[in-house]
């Protein structure tokens, strides 16, 4: 579960260009981590599709019992959304478009 959370943090950084908990390792940041109190990615990148927000929520949920239990859940979720594209080039273009404003 820790690795899934860490992957969620990396994904958050990829789609927003920011860390979910910026700054020093302080009591305030520990509190924010414990409560899952990070800036909504949509505020940092308004063009994000909803499924990107859902991936962050699934991977970074502050309650372990609500976080995805294994990567297969995330892979299945992403596969459903990627199935709309017919080629890898279409996927790459969509990723570039989503990240262009970062």
Protein backbone atom coordinates (compact mmCIF):
# COMPACT_ATOMS: atom_id res chain seq x y z
CA UNK A 1 0.00 0.00 0.00
CA UNK A 2 2.89 2.35 0.66
CA UNK A 3 4.20 1.83 -2.87
CA UNK A 4 0.77 2.54 -4.32
CA UNK A 5 0.56 5.73 -2.26
CA UNK A 6 4.03 6.76 -3.48
CA UNK A 7 2.99 6.08 -7.07
CA UNK A 8 -0.04 8.31 -6.48
CA UNK A 9 2.25 11.09 -5.25
CA UNK A 10 4.40 10.76 -8.38
CA UNK A 11 1.30 10.78 -10.59
CA UNK A 12 0.07 13.90 -8.77
CA UNK A 13 3.39 15.60 -9.54
CA UNK A 14 3.24 14.49 -13.18
CA UNK A 15 -0.23 15.90 -13.77
CA UNK A 16 0.15 19.12 -11.76
CA UNK A 17 3.85 19.98 -11.80
CA UNK A 18 3.65 20.39 -8.01
CA UNK A 19 4.19 18.22 -4.94
CA UNK A 20 1.00 17.38 -3.06
CA UNK A 21 2.66 18.41 0.22
CA UNK A 22 5.30 21.03 -0.64
CA UNK A 23 7.77 22.41 1.84
CA UNK A 24 9.65 20.99 4.75
CA UNK A 25 8.77 17.89 6.75
CA UNK A 26 6.92 19.79 9.46
CA UNK A 27 4.18 18.94 11.93
CA UNK A 28 1.76 20.84 9.68
CA UNK A 29 2.69 18.75 6.63
CA UNK A 30 2.41 15.54 8.65
CA UNK A 31 -1.09 16.65 9.68
CA UNK A 32 -1.99 17.35 6.05
CA UNK A 33 -0.69 13.94 4.95
CA UNK A 34 -2.62 12.21 7.72
CA UNK A 35 -5.84 13.97 6.68
CA UNK A 36 -5.21 13.72 2.93
CA UNK A 37 -5.33 17.50 2.75
CA UNK A 38 -3.63 18.26 -0.59
CA UNK A 39 -4.61 20.82 -3.20
CA UNK A 40 -7.11 19.41 -5.66
CA UNK A 41 -5.13 18.68 -8.87
CA UNK A 42 -7.89 20.39 -10.89
CA UNK A 43 -7.01 23.70 -9.20
CA UNK A 44 -3.43 23.37 -10.45
CA UNK A 45 -4.32 22.02 -13.89
CA UNK A 46 -7.95 22.88 -14.79
CA UNK A 47 -7.84 20.84 -18.01
CA UNK A 48 -7.35 17.52 -16.23
CA UNK A 49 -9.90 14.87 -17.11
CA UNK A 50 -11.88 13.39 -14.24
CA UNK A 51 -10.24 9.98 -14.52
CA UNK A 52 -6.86 11.52 -13.63
CA UNK A 53 -8.36 12.95 -10.45
CA UNK A 54 -9.85 9.56 -9.66
CA UNK A 55 -6.46 7.85 -10.03
CA UNK A 56 -4.98 10.28 -7.49
CA UNK A 57 -7.86 9.61 -5.10
CA UNK A 58 -7.59 5.85 -5.53
CA UNK A 59 -3.84 5.79 -4.92
CA UNK A 60 -3.46 8.56 -2.32
CA UNK A 61 -6.50 8.08 -0.13
CA UNK A 62 -5.45 8.90 3.43
CA UNK A 63 -7.41 5.93 4.80
CA UNK A 64 -5.58 2.74 3.87
CA UNK A 65 -8.80 0.73 3.74
CA UNK A 66 -10.14 3.05 1.02
CA UNK A 67 -6.95 3.02 -1.05
CA UNK A 68 -6.64 0.53 -3.92
CA UNK A 69 -5.26 -2.77 -2.63
CA UNK A 70 -3.06 -3.64 -5.57
CA UNK A 71 -1.87 -2.19 -8.85
CA UNK A 72 -4.20 -4.42 -10.83
CA UNK A 73 -7.13 -2.25 -9.68
CA UNK A 74 -5.42 0.83 -11.07
CA UNK A 75 -4.39 -0.95 -14.25
CA UNK A 76 -7.98 -2.09 -14.82
CA UNK A 77 -9.30 1.43 -14.16
CA UNK A 78 -6.78 3.03 -16.53
CA UNK A 79 -7.37 0.38 -19.19
CA UNK A 80 -11.07 1.24 -19.31
CA UNK A 81 -10.20 4.86 -20.06
CA UNK A 82 -7.36 4.13 -22.45
CA UNK A 83 -9.52 1.75 -24.49
CA UNK A 84 -11.09 4.77 -26.23
CA UNK A 85 -7.80 5.27 -28.10
CA UNK A 86 -6.89 3.04 -31.00
CA UNK A 87 -3.13 3.66 -31.13
CA UNK A 88 -0.26 4.47 -28.82
CA UNK A 89 0.23 7.69 -30.79
CA UNK A 90 -3.26 8.83 -29.80
CA UNK A 91 -2.47 8.08 -26.15
CA UNK A 92 0.83 9.98 -26.38
CA UNK A 93 -0.90 12.98 -27.96
CA UNK A 94 -3.51 13.02 -25.22
CA UNK A 95 -0.80 12.92 -22.54
CA UNK A 96 1.11 15.75 -24.24
CA UNK A 97 -2.06 17.81 -24.48
CA UNK A 98 -2.82 17.29 -20.78
CA UNK A 99 0.70 18.22 -19.72
CA UNK A 100 1.23 21.13 -22.14
CA UNK A 101 0.29 23.83 -19.66
CA UNK A 102 2.49 22.63 -16.81
